[in-house]
């Protein structure tokens, strides 16, 4: 049997994002473990384990969506700028 002089470390993040649950705004808590993450709302009993692969895939999907939204916003802004410079029709 092995002996660990120190217990395995856990890293817990308490986010600034709040979600309304049970009449209160609760922080999202993320606990980092070596093979997965555990997500829950502060003060709630229900915990959701997620594989790190799922976290990465969700982040990648969200990043692609954000890039698309940024490009769309930039195109809209460019259209507005160019329409201001056009001469009025007579």
N, C-alpha and C. Protein backbone atom coordinates (compact mmCIF):
# COMPACT_ATOMS: atom_id res chain seq x y z
N UNK A 1 0.84 -1.17 0.00
CA UNK A 1 0.00 0.00 0.00
C UNK A 1 0.90 1.24 0.00
N UNK A 2 0.56 2.19 -0.85
CA UNK A 2 1.34 3.41 -0.97
C UNK A 2 0.94 4.43 0.09
N UNK A 3 1.82 5.37 0.30
CA UNK A 3 1.56 6.43 1.26
C UNK A 3 1.85 7.77 0.59
N UNK A 4 0.91 8.67 0.67
CA UNK A 4 1.11 10.02 0.16
C UNK A 4 1.36 10.95 1.34
N UNK A 5 2.52 11.60 1.37
CA UNK A 5 2.78 12.49 2.50
C UNK A 5 1.83 13.69 2.54
N UNK A 6 1.31 14.07 1.36
CA UNK A 6 0.36 15.18 1.29
C UNK A 6 -0.89 14.69 0.58
N UNK A 7 -2.05 15.14 0.99
CA UNK A 7 -3.26 14.72 0.28
C UNK A 7 -3.27 15.30 -1.13
N UNK A 8 -3.92 14.62 -2.09
CA UNK A 8 -3.99 15.16 -3.45
C UNK A 8 -4.63 16.55 -3.41
N UNK A 9 -4.08 17.44 -4.21
CA UNK A 9 -4.58 18.81 -4.18
C UNK A 9 -5.85 18.94 -5.02
N UNK A 10 -6.68 19.87 -4.63
CA UNK A 10 -7.88 20.21 -5.37
C UNK A 10 -7.83 21.70 -5.61
N UNK A 11 -8.25 22.10 -6.79
CA UNK A 11 -8.34 23.52 -7.10
C UNK A 11 -9.80 23.85 -7.31
N UNK A 12 -10.28 24.83 -6.58
CA UNK A 12 -11.69 25.23 -6.68
C UNK A 12 -11.75 26.68 -7.12
N UNK A 13 -12.53 26.91 -8.19
CA UNK A 13 -12.76 28.26 -8.71
C UNK A 13 -14.18 28.67 -8.38
N UNK A 14 -14.35 29.84 -7.82
CA UNK A 14 -15.68 30.41 -7.63
C UNK A 14 -15.78 31.56 -8.61
N UNK A 15 -16.66 31.42 -9.58
CA UNK A 15 -16.75 32.41 -10.65
C UNK A 15 -17.53 33.63 -10.20
N UNK A 16 -17.43 34.68 -10.98
CA UNK A 16 -18.20 35.89 -10.73
C UNK A 16 -19.56 35.83 -11.39
N UNK A 17 -19.78 34.79 -12.19
CA UNK A 17 -21.08 34.64 -12.86
C UNK A 17 -22.11 34.14 -11.87
N UNK A 18 -23.27 34.73 -11.92
CA UNK A 18 -24.35 34.32 -11.00
C UNK A 18 -25.54 33.81 -11.81
N UNK A 19 -26.16 32.77 -11.27
CA UNK A 19 -27.34 32.18 -11.89
C UNK A 19 -28.45 32.17 -10.86
N UNK A 20 -29.64 32.65 -11.23
CA UNK A 20 -30.75 32.62 -10.26
C UNK A 20 -31.24 31.18 -10.05
N UNK A 21 -31.27 30.74 -8.80
CA UNK A 21 -31.74 29.40 -8.47
C UNK A 21 -32.33 29.43 -7.07
N UNK A 22 -33.56 29.01 -6.93
CA UNK A 22 -34.19 28.98 -5.61
C UNK A 22 -34.41 30.35 -5.02
N UNK A 23 -34.62 31.35 -5.86
CA UNK A 23 -34.87 32.70 -5.39
C UNK A 23 -33.62 33.49 -5.03
N UNK A 24 -32.45 32.91 -5.25
CA UNK A 24 -31.20 33.60 -4.95
C UNK A 24 -30.30 33.56 -6.17
N UNK A 25 -29.41 34.55 -6.27
CA UNK A 25 -28.37 34.51 -7.29
C UNK A 25 -27.19 33.75 -6.70
N UNK A 26 -26.80 32.66 -7.37
CA UNK A 26 -25.74 31.81 -6.84
C UNK A 26 -24.54 31.80 -7.78
N UNK A 27 -23.35 31.78 -7.19
CA UNK A 27 -22.11 31.69 -7.97
C UNK A 27 -21.94 30.29 -8.52
N UNK A 28 -21.28 30.19 -9.67
CA UNK A 28 -20.92 28.90 -10.23
C UNK A 28 -19.58 28.51 -9.64
N UNK A 29 -19.49 27.27 -9.15
CA UNK A 29 -18.26 26.76 -8.56
C UNK A 29 -17.74 25.64 -9.45
N UNK A 30 -16.44 25.67 -9.74
CA UNK A 30 -15.81 24.63 -10.55
C UNK A 30 -14.66 24.04 -9.76
N UNK A 31 -14.71 22.73 -9.57
CA UNK A 31 -13.63 22.03 -8.88
C UNK A 31 -12.82 21.27 -9.92
N UNK A 32 -11.54 21.50 -9.94
CA UNK A 32 -10.65 20.86 -10.90
C UNK A 32 -10.08 19.59 -10.29
N UNK A 33 -10.31 18.48 -10.97
CA UNK A 33 -9.71 17.21 -10.58
C UNK A 33 -8.87 16.72 -11.75
N UNK A 34 -7.97 15.78 -11.54
CA UNK A 34 -7.07 15.38 -12.63
C UNK A 34 -7.77 14.89 -13.89
N UNK A 35 -8.84 14.13 -13.78
CA UNK A 35 -9.46 13.53 -14.95
C UNK A 35 -10.77 14.18 -15.35
N UNK A 36 -11.33 15.02 -14.49
CA UNK A 36 -12.60 15.66 -14.80
C UNK A 36 -12.79 16.90 -13.93
N UNK A 37 -13.81 17.67 -14.27
CA UNK A 37 -14.18 18.85 -13.49
C UNK A 37 -15.55 18.59 -12.87
N UNK A 38 -15.80 19.21 -11.75
CA UNK A 38 -17.11 19.12 -11.10
C UNK A 38 -17.66 20.54 -11.02
N UNK A 39 -18.89 20.71 -11.51
CA UNK A 39 -19.52 22.04 -11.56
C UNK A 39 -20.78 22.00 -10.71
N UNK A 40 -20.97 23.05 -9.89
CA UNK A 40 -22.19 23.17 -9.12
C UNK A 40 -22.46 24.62 -8.80
N UNK A 41 -23.65 24.89 -8.30
CA UNK A 41 -24.01 26.23 -7.85
C UNK A 41 -23.74 26.32 -6.35
N UNK A 42 -23.17 27.43 -5.95
CA UNK A 42 -22.84 27.62 -4.54
C UNK A 42 -24.10 27.47 -3.69
N UNK A 43 -24.02 26.64 -2.67
CA UNK A 43 -25.16 26.41 -1.78
C UNK A 43 -26.12 25.34 -2.27
N UNK A 44 -25.88 24.75 -3.43
CA UNK A 44 -26.75 23.70 -3.95
C UNK A 44 -26.09 22.33 -3.73
N UNK A 45 -26.90 21.29 -3.61
CA UNK A 45 -26.38 19.95 -3.38
C UNK A 45 -26.02 19.23 -4.68
N UNK A 46 -26.71 19.54 -5.75
CA UNK A 46 -26.50 18.85 -7.02
C UNK A 46 -25.17 19.23 -7.64
N UNK A 47 -24.35 18.24 -8.00
CA UNK A 47 -23.04 18.46 -8.62
C UNK A 47 -22.99 17.73 -9.95
N UNK A 48 -22.32 18.32 -10.92
CA UNK A 48 -22.25 17.76 -12.26
C UNK A 48 -20.80 17.52 -12.66
N UNK A 49 -20.37 16.25 -12.71
CA UNK A 49 -19.00 15.97 -13.18
C UNK A 49 -18.95 16.05 -14.71
N UNK A 50 -17.89 16.64 -15.22
CA UNK A 50 -17.68 16.77 -16.66
C UNK A 50 -16.28 16.32 -17.01
N UNK A 51 -16.17 15.54 -18.07
CA UNK A 51 -14.84 15.16 -18.56
C UNK A 51 -14.18 16.40 -19.15
N UNK A 52 -12.86 16.50 -19.00
CA UNK A 52 -12.14 17.66 -19.54
C UNK A 52 -12.31 17.75 -21.04
N UNK A 53 -12.47 16.62 -21.71
CA UNK A 53 -12.69 16.63 -23.16
C UNK A 53 -13.98 17.37 -23.50
N UNK A 54 -15.02 17.16 -22.69
CA UNK A 54 -16.30 17.84 -22.91
C UNK A 54 -16.18 19.34 -22.68
N UNK A 55 -15.38 19.71 -21.68
CA UNK A 55 -15.16 21.14 -21.40
C UNK A 55 -14.44 21.78 -22.59
N UNK A 56 -13.43 21.09 -23.11
CA UNK A 56 -12.67 21.62 -24.25
C UNK A 56 -13.56 21.74 -25.49
N UNK A 57 -14.37 20.71 -25.76
CA UNK A 57 -15.25 20.74 -26.92
C UNK A 57 -16.27 21.88 -26.82
N UNK A 58 -16.81 22.09 -25.62
CA UNK A 58 -17.76 23.19 -25.42
C UNK A 58 -17.08 24.54 -25.63
N UNK A 59 -15.85 24.67 -25.13
CA UNK A 59 -15.11 25.93 -25.31
C UNK A 59 -14.80 26.18 -26.78
N UNK A 60 -14.40 25.12 -27.49
CA UNK A 60 -14.09 25.26 -28.91
C UNK A 60 -15.33 25.66 -29.70
N UNK A 61 -16.46 25.03 -29.40
CA UNK A 61 -17.72 25.35 -30.08
C UNK A 61 -18.14 26.80 -29.80
N UNK A 62 -18.00 27.21 -28.54
CA UNK A 62 -18.38 28.57 -28.15
C UNK A 62 -17.46 29.60 -28.81
N UNK A 63 -16.17 29.27 -28.91
CA UNK A 63 -15.22 30.18 -29.55
C UNK A 63 -15.58 30.40 -31.01
N UNK A 64 -15.90 29.32 -31.73
CA UNK A 64 -16.28 29.45 -33.14
C UNK A 64 -17.53 30.32 -33.28
N UNK A 65 -18.50 30.14 -32.39
CA UNK A 65 -19.71 30.96 -32.43
C UNK A 65 -19.38 32.42 -32.16
N UNK A 66 -18.50 32.69 -31.20
CA UNK A 66 -18.12 34.07 -30.87
C UNK A 66 -17.38 34.73 -32.02
N UNK A 67 -16.50 33.98 -32.69
CA UNK A 67 -15.77 34.53 -33.84
C UNK A 67 -16.76 34.92 -34.94
N UNK A 68 -17.75 34.07 -35.18
CA UNK A 68 -18.77 34.37 -36.18
C UNK A 68 -19.56 35.62 -35.83
N UNK A 69 -19.91 35.76 -34.55
CA UNK A 69 -20.65 36.95 -34.11
C UNK A 69 -19.80 38.20 -34.24
N UNK A 70 -18.50 38.09 -33.91
CA UNK A 70 -17.60 39.24 -34.05
C UNK A 70 -17.48 39.67 -35.50
N UNK A 71 -17.34 38.71 -36.40
CA UNK A 71 -17.23 39.04 -37.83
C UNK A 71 -18.51 39.68 -38.33
N UNK A 72 -19.65 39.17 -37.90
CA UNK A 72 -20.94 39.74 -38.31
C UNK A 72 -21.08 41.17 -37.80
N UNK A 73 -20.68 41.41 -36.55
CA UNK A 73 -20.76 42.75 -35.98
C UNK A 73 -19.83 43.71 -36.72
N UNK A 74 -18.64 43.23 -37.09
CA UNK A 74 -17.69 44.08 -37.82
C UNK A 74 -18.24 44.44 -39.20
N UNK A 75 -18.88 43.48 -39.86
CA UNK A 75 -19.46 43.76 -41.18
C UNK A 75 -20.59 44.78 -41.06
N UNK A 76 -21.42 44.65 -40.06
CA UNK A 76 -22.52 45.60 -39.84
C UNK A 76 -21.97 46.99 -39.57
N UNK A 77 -20.91 47.07 -38.77
CA UNK A 77 -20.31 48.36 -38.45
C UNK A 77 -19.68 48.98 -39.70
N UNK A 78 -19.04 48.18 -40.52
CA UNK A 78 -18.45 48.69 -41.76
C UNK A 78 -19.52 49.20 -42.72
N UNK A 79 -20.66 48.51 -42.78
CA UNK A 79 -21.76 48.96 -43.63
C UNK A 79 -22.29 50.31 -43.16
N UNK A 80 -22.39 50.47 -41.85
CA UNK A 80 -22.89 51.74 -41.31
C UNK A 80 -21.93 52.88 -41.62
N UNK A 81 -20.63 52.61 -41.49
CA UNK A 81 -19.64 53.66 -41.77
C UNK A 81 -19.67 54.04 -43.25
N UNK A 82 -19.78 53.06 -44.12
CA UNK A 82 -19.77 53.36 -45.56
C UNK A 82 -21.06 54.06 -45.99
N UNK A 83 -22.18 53.75 -45.33
CA UNK A 83 -23.44 54.41 -45.71
C UNK A 83 -23.45 55.88 -45.28
N UNK A 84 -22.69 56.25 -44.26
CA UNK A 84 -22.61 57.64 -43.82
C UNK A 84 -21.84 58.48 -44.83
N UNK A 85 -20.91 57.87 -45.54
CA UNK A 85 -20.08 58.59 -46.50
C UNK A 85 -20.71 58.71 -47.88
N UNK A 86 -21.81 58.02 -48.11
CA UNK A 86 -22.46 58.09 -49.42
C UNK A 86 -23.19 59.43 -49.58
N UNK A 87 -23.18 59.97 -50.78
CA UNK A 87 -23.96 61.19 -51.00
C UNK A 87 -25.45 60.87 -51.02
N UNK A 88 -26.24 61.84 -50.61
CA UNK A 88 -27.69 61.66 -50.63
C UNK A 88 -28.21 61.66 -52.07
N UNK A 89 -29.26 60.89 -52.29
CA UNK A 89 -29.88 60.85 -53.62
C UNK A 89 -30.70 62.12 -53.81
N UNK A 90 -30.71 62.60 -55.03
CA UNK A 90 -31.53 63.80 -55.27
C UNK A 90 -32.61 63.51 -56.27
